[in-house]
Amino acid sequence: MEFTTFKISNMCSEEDKVNVMNALHKYSGVLDIAVDTSSQLVRVEYDPRNILLEDLKSEIAKGNYQVSVLNP
């Protein structure tokens, strides 16, 4: 398993939090998600055999969020 943290610069509400969590939860390779809207950080535990880091980032970005990877 691997961990990564995303910075989502325009995530500021509970609705944004739910949108991001729903976008990631649909993948079987995602094991855990922790979202902090105040710091705009999302920490994801995932299985790289089932989902790629770039796929996670792209899925979040589909919601019109500005996403950067802090620690791949």
PDB file of N, CA and C in Angstrom:
ATOM      1  N   MET A   1       0.832  -1.168   0.000  1.00  0.00           N
ATOM      2  CA  MET A   1       0.000   0.000   0.000  1.00  0.00           C
ATOM      3  C   MET A   1       0.883   1.241   0.000  1.00  0.00           C
ATOM      4  N   GLU A   2       0.357   2.285  -0.570  1.00  0.00           N
ATOM      5  CA  GLU A   2       1.073   3.555  -0.616  1.00  0.00           C
ATOM      6  C   GLU A   2       0.159   4.665  -0.134  1.00  0.00           C
ATOM      7  N   PHE A   3       0.794   5.752   0.287  1.00  0.00           N
ATOM      8  CA  PHE A   3       0.080   6.939   0.730  1.00  0.00           C
ATOM      9  C   PHE A   3       0.505   8.110  -0.133  1.00  0.00           C
ATOM     10  N   THR A   4      -0.420   9.010  -0.376  1.00  0.00           N
ATOM     11  CA  THR A   4      -0.081  10.268  -1.020  1.00  0.00           C
ATOM     12  C   THR A   4      -0.969  11.357  -0.449  1.00  0.00           C
ATOM     13  N   THR A   5      -0.506  12.593  -0.562  1.00  0.00           N
ATOM     14  CA  THR A   5      -1.277  13.743  -0.119  1.00  0.00           C
ATOM     15  C   THR A   5      -1.455  14.689  -1.293  1.00  0.00           C
ATOM     16  N   PHE A   6      -2.705  15.087  -1.512  1.00  0.00           N
ATOM     17  CA  PHE A   6      -3.030  16.053  -2.550  1.00  0.00           C
ATOM     18  C   PHE A   6      -3.368  17.383  -1.908  1.00  0.00           C
ATOM     19  N   LYS A   7      -2.943  18.459  -2.539  1.00  0.00           N
ATOM     20  CA  LYS A   7      -3.374  19.808  -2.174  1.00  0.00           C
ATOM     21  C   LYS A   7      -4.431  20.198  -3.193  1.00  0.00           C
ATOM     22  N   ILE A   8      -5.617  20.532  -2.707  1.00  0.00           N
ATOM     23  CA  ILE A   8      -6.719  20.922  -3.585  1.00  0.00           C
ATOM     24  C   ILE A   8      -7.057  22.366  -3.245  1.00  0.00           C
ATOM     25  N   SER A   9      -6.495  23.274  -4.029  1.00  0.00           N
ATOM     26  CA  SER A   9      -6.507  24.689  -3.657  1.00  0.00           C
ATOM     27  C   SER A   9      -7.881  25.347  -3.674  1.00  0.00           C
ATOM     28  N   ASN A  10      -8.855  24.775  -4.335  1.00  0.00           N
ATOM     29  CA  ASN A  10     -10.186  25.385  -4.338  1.00  0.00           C
ATOM     30  C   ASN A  10     -11.242  24.505  -3.663  1.00  0.00           C
ATOM     31  N   MET A  11     -10.813  23.699  -2.695  1.00  0.00           N
ATOM     32  CA  MET A  11     -11.730  22.866  -1.908  1.00  0.00           C
ATOM     33  C   MET A  11     -11.948  23.570  -0.567  1.00  0.00           C
ATOM     34  N   CYS A  12     -13.183  24.050  -0.341  1.00  0.00           N
ATOM     35  CA  CYS A  12     -13.374  24.833   0.872  1.00  0.00           C
ATOM     36  C   CYS A  12     -14.663  24.533   1.640  1.00  0.00           C
ATOM     37  N   SER A  13     -15.516  23.677   1.106  1.00  0.00           N
ATOM     38  CA  SER A  13     -16.797  23.428   1.776  1.00  0.00           C
ATOM     39  C   SER A  13     -16.994  21.941   2.039  1.00  0.00           C
ATOM     40  N   GLU A  14     -18.009  21.644   2.830  1.00  0.00           N
ATOM     41  CA  GLU A  14     -18.365  20.241   3.088  1.00  0.00           C
ATOM     42  C   GLU A  14     -18.818  19.557   1.803  1.00  0.00           C
ATOM     43  N   GLU A  15     -19.477  20.305   0.936  1.00  0.00           N
ATOM     44  CA  GLU A  15     -19.896  19.741  -0.352  1.00  0.00           C
ATOM     45  C   GLU A  15     -18.669  19.334  -1.185  1.00  0.00           C
ATOM     46  N   ASP A  16     -17.640  20.174  -1.173  1.00  0.00           N
ATOM     47  CA  ASP A  16     -16.398  19.831  -1.872  1.00  0.00           C
ATOM     48  C   ASP A  16     -15.786  18.564  -1.286  1.00  0.00           C
ATOM     49  N   LYS A  17     -15.797  18.472   0.022  1.00  0.00           N
ATOM     50  CA  LYS A  17     -15.247  17.296   0.700  1.00  0.00           C
ATOM     51  C   LYS A  17     -15.973  16.029   0.245  1.00  0.00           C
ATOM     52  N   VAL A  18     -17.282  16.077   0.219  1.00  0.00           N
ATOM     53  CA  VAL A  18     -18.076  14.922  -0.203  1.00  0.00           C
ATOM     54  C   VAL A  18     -17.798  14.593  -1.665  1.00  0.00           C
ATOM     55  N   ASN A  19     -17.706  15.613  -2.510  1.00  0.00           N
ATOM     56  CA  ASN A  19     -17.430  15.387  -3.934  1.00  0.00           C
ATOM     57  C   ASN A  19     -16.101  14.679  -4.142  1.00  0.00           C
ATOM     58  N   VAL A  20     -15.074  15.115  -3.434  1.00  0.00           N
ATOM     59  CA  VAL A  20     -13.745  14.513  -3.563  1.00  0.00           C
ATOM     60  C   VAL A  20     -13.767  13.075  -3.045  1.00  0.00           C
ATOM     61  N   MET A  21     -14.387  12.872  -1.905  1.00  0.00           N
ATOM     62  CA  MET A  21     -14.443  11.519  -1.343  1.00  0.00           C
ATOM     63  C   MET A  21     -15.209  10.573  -2.273  1.00  0.00           C
ATOM     64  N   ASN A  22     -16.321  11.024  -2.827  1.00  0.00           N
ATOM     65  CA  ASN A  22     -17.094  10.189  -3.746  1.00  0.00           C
ATOM     66  C   ASN A  22     -16.307   9.866  -5.012  1.00  0.00           C
ATOM     67  N   ALA A  23     -15.550  10.824  -5.497  1.00  0.00           N
ATOM     68  CA  ALA A  23     -14.752  10.602  -6.707  1.00  0.00           C
ATOM     69  C   ALA A  23     -13.712   9.510  -6.491  1.00  0.00           C
ATOM     70  N   LEU A  24     -13.135   9.461  -5.293  1.00  0.00           N
ATOM     71  CA  LEU A  24     -12.066   8.498  -5.016  1.00  0.00           C
ATOM     72  C   LEU A  24     -12.584   7.149  -4.520  1.00  0.00           C
ATOM     73  N   HIS A  25     -13.669   7.159  -3.770  1.00  0.00           N
ATOM     74  CA  HIS A  25     -14.195   5.921  -3.183  1.00  0.00           C
ATOM     75  C   HIS A  25     -14.664   4.910  -4.217  1.00  0.00           C
ATOM     76  N   LYS A  26     -14.933   5.344  -5.423  1.00  0.00           N
ATOM     77  CA  LYS A  26     -15.458   4.415  -6.421  1.00  0.00           C
ATOM     78  C   LYS A  26     -14.398   3.454  -6.950  1.00  0.00           C
ATOM     79  N   TYR A  27     -13.141   3.681  -6.600  1.00  0.00           N
ATOM     80  CA  TYR A  27     -12.060   2.805  -7.051  1.00  0.00           C
ATOM     81  C   TYR A  27     -11.727   1.768  -5.991  1.00  0.00           C
ATOM     82  N   SER A  28     -11.655   0.524  -6.402  1.00  0.00           N
ATOM     83  CA  SER A  28     -11.361  -0.556  -5.450  1.00  0.00           C
ATOM     84  C   SER A  28      -9.950  -0.444  -4.880  1.00  0.00           C
ATOM     85  N   GLY A  29      -9.056   0.218  -5.582  1.00  0.00           N
ATOM     86  CA  GLY A  29      -7.688   0.364  -5.100  1.00  0.00           C
ATOM     87  C   GLY A  29      -7.514   1.415  -4.020  1.00  0.00           C
ATOM     88  N   VAL A  30      -8.549   2.210  -3.770  1.00  0.00           N
ATOM     89  CA  VAL A  30      -8.495   3.235  -2.725  1.00  0.00           C
ATOM     90  C   VAL A  30      -8.938   2.605  -1.418  1.00  0.00           C
ATOM     91  N   LEU A  31      -8.045   2.627  -0.432  1.00  0.00           N
ATOM     92  CA  LEU A  31      -8.309   1.959   0.844  1.00  0.00           C
ATOM     93  C   LEU A  31      -8.778   2.904   1.935  1.00  0.00           C
ATOM     94  N   ASP A  32      -8.269   4.141   1.923  1.00  0.00           N
ATOM     95  CA  ASP A  32      -8.647   5.098   2.964  1.00  0.00           C
ATOM     96  C   ASP A  32      -8.470   6.512   2.426  1.00  0.00           C
ATOM     97  N   ILE A  33      -9.355   7.408   2.859  1.00  0.00           N
ATOM     98  CA  ILE A  33      -9.300   8.812   2.442  1.00  0.00           C
ATOM     99  C   ILE A  33      -9.508   9.676   3.677  1.00  0.00           C
ATOM    100  N   ALA A  34      -8.652  10.655   3.855  1.00  0.00           N
ATOM    101  CA  ALA A  34      -8.819  11.641   4.930  1.00  0.00           C
ATOM    102  C   ALA A  34      -8.801  13.026   4.284  1.00  0.00           C
ATOM    103  N   VAL A  35      -9.878  13.777   4.485  1.00  0.00           N
ATOM    104  CA  VAL A  35     -10.020  15.092   3.866  1.00  0.00           C
ATOM    105  C   VAL A  35     -10.070  16.153   4.950  1.00  0.00           C
ATOM    106  N   ASP A  36      -9.259  17.204   4.781  1.00  0.00           N
ATOM    107  CA  ASP A  36      -9.265  18.345   5.695  1.00  0.00           C
ATOM    108  C   ASP A  36      -9.499  19.599   4.866  1.00  0.00           C
ATOM    109  N   THR A  37     -10.722  20.121   4.906  1.00  0.00           N
ATOM    110  CA  THR A  37     -11.045  21.286   4.083  1.00  0.00           C
ATOM    111  C   THR A  37     -10.328  22.544   4.564  1.00  0.00           C
ATOM    112  N   SER A  38     -10.042  22.655   5.849  1.00  0.00           N
ATOM    113  CA  SER A  38      -9.377  23.870   6.341  1.00  0.00           C
ATOM    114  C   SER A  38      -7.952  24.002   5.800  1.00  0.00           C
ATOM    115  N   SER A  39      -7.251  22.883   5.656  1.00  0.00           N
ATOM    116  CA  SER A  39      -5.896  22.928   5.088  1.00  0.00           C
ATOM    117  C   SER A  39      -5.901  22.604   3.595  1.00  0.00           C
ATOM    118  N   GLN A  40      -7.059  22.197   3.075  1.00  0.00           N
ATOM    119  CA  GLN A  40      -7.240  21.825   1.670  1.00  0.00           C
ATOM    120  C   GLN A  40      -6.358  20.637   1.275  1.00  0.00           C
ATOM    121  N   LEU A  41      -6.212  19.698   2.210  1.00  0.00           N
ATOM    122  CA  LEU A  41      -5.390  18.519   1.969  1.00  0.00           C
ATOM    123  C   LEU A  41      -6.246  17.254   1.970  1.00  0.00           C
ATOM    124  N   VAL A  42      -5.860  16.328   1.101  1.00  0.00           N
ATOM    125  CA  VAL A  42      -6.503  15.022   1.032  1.00  0.00           C
ATOM    126  C   VAL A  42      -5.396  13.978   1.084  1.00  0.00           C
ATOM    127  N   ARG A  43      -5.470  13.097   2.078  1.00  0.00           N
ATOM    128  CA  ARG A  43      -4.492  12.012   2.199  1.00  0.00           C
ATOM    129  C   ARG A  43      -5.186  10.720   1.785  1.00  0.00           C
ATOM    130  N   VAL A  44      -4.539   9.995   0.877  1.00  0.00           N
ATOM    131  CA  VAL A  44      -5.147   8.789   0.322  1.00  0.00           C
ATOM    132  C   VAL A  44      -4.201   7.613   0.510  1.00  0.00           C
ATOM    133  N   GLU A  45      -4.747   6.519   1.033  1.00  0.00           N
ATOM    134  CA  GLU A  45      -4.030   5.251   1.049  1.00  0.00           C
ATOM    135  C   GLU A  45      -4.595   4.429  -0.103  1.00  0.00           C
ATOM    136  N   TYR A  46      -3.706   3.918  -0.940  1.00  0.00           N
ATOM    137  CA  TYR A  46      -4.175   3.187  -2.113  1.00  0.00           C
ATOM    138  C   TYR A  46      -3.223   2.058  -2.474  1.00  0.00           C
ATOM    139  N   ASP A  47      -3.746   1.149  -3.267  1.00  0.00           N
ATOM    140  CA  ASP A  47      -2.966   0.014  -3.753  1.00  0.00           C
ATOM    141  C   ASP A  47      -2.537   0.330  -5.183  1.00  0.00           C
ATOM    142  N   PRO A  48      -1.253   0.585  -5.419  1.00  0.00           N
ATOM    143  CA  PRO A  48      -0.793   0.979  -6.751  1.00  0.00           C
ATOM    144  C   PRO A  48      -0.923  -0.132  -7.797  1.00  0.00           C
ATOM    145  N   ARG A  49      -1.230  -1.341  -7.353  1.00  0.00           N
ATOM    146  CA  ARG A  49      -1.480  -2.429  -8.317  1.00  0.00           C
ATOM    147  C   ARG A  49      -2.863  -2.295  -8.938  1.00  0.00           C
ATOM    148  N   ASN A  50      -3.754  -1.554  -8.260  1.00  0.00           N
ATOM    149  CA  ASN A  50      -5.131  -1.407  -8.731  1.00  0.00           C
ATOM    150  C   ASN A  50      -5.454  -0.024  -9.286  1.00  0.00           C
ATOM    151  N   ILE A  51      -4.728   0.988  -8.868  1.00  0.00           N
ATOM    152  CA  ILE A  51      -5.008   2.352  -9.316  1.00  0.00           C
ATOM    153  C   ILE A  51      -3.698   3.142  -9.316  1.00  0.00           C
ATOM    154  N   LEU A  52      -3.512   3.963 -10.329  1.00  0.00           N
ATOM    155  CA  LEU A  52      -2.300   4.773 -10.439  1.00  0.00           C
ATOM    156  C   LEU A  52      -2.513   6.151  -9.810  1.00  0.00           C
ATOM    157  N   LEU A  53      -1.439   6.718  -9.322  1.00  0.00           N
ATOM    158  CA  LEU A  53      -1.483   8.038  -8.706  1.00  0.00           C
ATOM    159  C   LEU A  53      -2.066   9.068  -9.673  1.00  0.00           C
ATOM    160  N   GLU A  54      -1.650   9.037 -10.921  1.00  0.00           N
ATOM    161  CA  GLU A  54      -2.155   9.995 -11.908  1.00  0.00           C
ATOM    162  C   GLU A  54      -3.654   9.831 -12.139  1.00  0.00           C
ATOM    163  N   ASP A  55      -4.152   8.605 -12.039  1.00  0.00           N
ATOM    164  CA  ASP A  55      -5.594   8.382 -12.190  1.00  0.00           C
ATOM    165  C   ASP A  55      -6.364   9.013 -11.037  1.00  0.00           C
ATOM    166  N   LEU A  56      -5.821   8.922  -9.832  1.00  0.00           N
ATOM    167  CA  LEU A  56      -6.459   9.553  -8.676  1.00  0.00           C
ATOM    168  C   LEU A  56      -6.509  11.071  -8.866  1.00  0.00           C
ATOM    169  N   LYS A  57      -5.384  11.629  -9.260  1.00  0.00           N
ATOM    170  CA  LYS A  57      -5.304  13.078  -9.479  1.00  0.00           C
ATOM    171  C   LYS A  57      -6.289  13.518 -10.566  1.00  0.00           C
ATOM    172  N   SER A  58      -6.341  12.786 -11.652  1.00  0.00           N
ATOM    173  CA  SER A  58      -7.240  13.121 -12.759  1.00  0.00           C
ATOM    174  C   SER A  58      -8.706  13.049 -12.337  1.00  0.00           C
ATOM    175  N   GLU A  59      -9.025  12.059 -11.527  1.00  0.00           N
ATOM    176  CA  GLU A  59     -10.415  11.903 -11.085  1.00  0.00           C
ATOM    177  C   GLU A  59     -10.845  13.085 -10.216  1.00  0.00           C
ATOM    178  N   ILE A  60      -9.973  13.545  -9.345  1.00  0.00           N
ATOM    179  CA  ILE A  60     -10.286  14.723  -8.524  1.00  0.00           C
ATOM    180  C   ILE A  60     -10.440  15.954  -9.418  1.00  0.00           C
ATOM    181  N   ALA A  61      -9.541  16.112 -10.376  1.00  0.00           N
ATOM    182  CA  ALA A  61      -9.552  17.276 -11.259  1.00  0.00           C
ATOM    183  C   ALA A  61     -10.817  17.345 -12.116  1.00  0.00           C
ATOM    184  N   LYS A  62     -11.442  16.212 -12.372  1.00  0.00           N
ATOM    185  CA  LYS A  62     -12.689  16.194 -13.156  1.00  0.00           C
ATOM    186  C   LYS A  62     -13.782  17.027 -12.488  1.00  0.00           C
ATOM    187  N   GLY A  63     -13.694  17.204 -11.186  1.00  0.00           N
ATOM    188  CA  GLY A  63     -14.668  18.006 -10.456  1.00  0.00           C
ATOM    189  C   GLY A  63     -14.340  19.487 -10.475  1.00  0.00           C
ATOM    190  N   ASN A  64     -13.483  19.914 -11.391  1.00  0.00           N
ATOM    191  CA  ASN A  64     -13.044  21.314 -11.516  1.00  0.00           C
ATOM    192  C   ASN A  64     -12.250  21.783 -10.299  1.00  0.00           C
ATOM    193  N   TYR A  65     -11.475  20.876  -9.739  1.00  0.00           N
ATOM    194  CA  TYR A  65     -10.592  21.225  -8.631  1.00  0.00           C
ATOM    195  C   TYR A  65      -9.168  21.351  -9.145  1.00  0.00           C
ATOM    196  N   GLN A  66      -8.415  22.249  -8.544  1.00  0.00           N
ATOM    197  CA  GLN A  66      -7.003  22.436  -8.862  1.00  0.00           C
ATOM    198  C   GLN A  66      -6.210  21.529  -7.929  1.00  0.00           C
ATOM    199  N   VAL A  67      -5.572  20.516  -8.491  1.00  0.00           N
ATOM    200  CA  VAL A  67      -4.941  19.451  -7.703  1.00  0.00           C
ATOM    201  C   VAL A  67      -3.442  19.429  -7.929  1.00  0.00           C
ATOM    202  N   SER A  68      -2.698  19.317  -6.832  1.00  0.00           N
ATOM    203  CA  SER A  68      -1.271  19.061  -6.927  1.00  0.00           C
ATOM    204  C   SER A  68      -0.913  17.953  -5.948  1.00  0.00           C
ATOM    205  N   VAL A  69       0.105  17.187  -6.306  1.00  0.00           N
ATOM    206  CA  VAL A  69       0.565  16.084  -5.469  1.00  0.00           C
ATOM    207  C   VAL A  69       1.689  16.602  -4.590  1.00  0.00           C
ATOM    208  N   LEU A  70       1.530  16.483  -3.268  1.00  0.00           N
ATOM    209  CA  LEU A  70       2.562  16.963  -2.350  1.00  0.00           C
ATOM    210  C   LEU A  70       3.642  15.946  -2.101  1.00  0.00           C
ATOM    211  N   ASN A  71       3.279  14.680  -2.026  1.00  0.00           N
ATOM    212  CA  ASN A  71       4.287  13.629  -1.801  1.00  0.00           C
ATOM    213  C   ASN A  71       3.877  12.363  -2.531  1.00  0.00           C
ATOM    214  N   PRO A  72       4.448  12.183  -3.709  1.00  0.00           N
ATOM    215  CA  PRO A  72       4.060  10.985  -4.494  1.00  0.00           C
ATOM    216  C   PRO A  72       4.585   9.712  -3.871  1.00  0.00           C
TER     217      PRO A  72
END
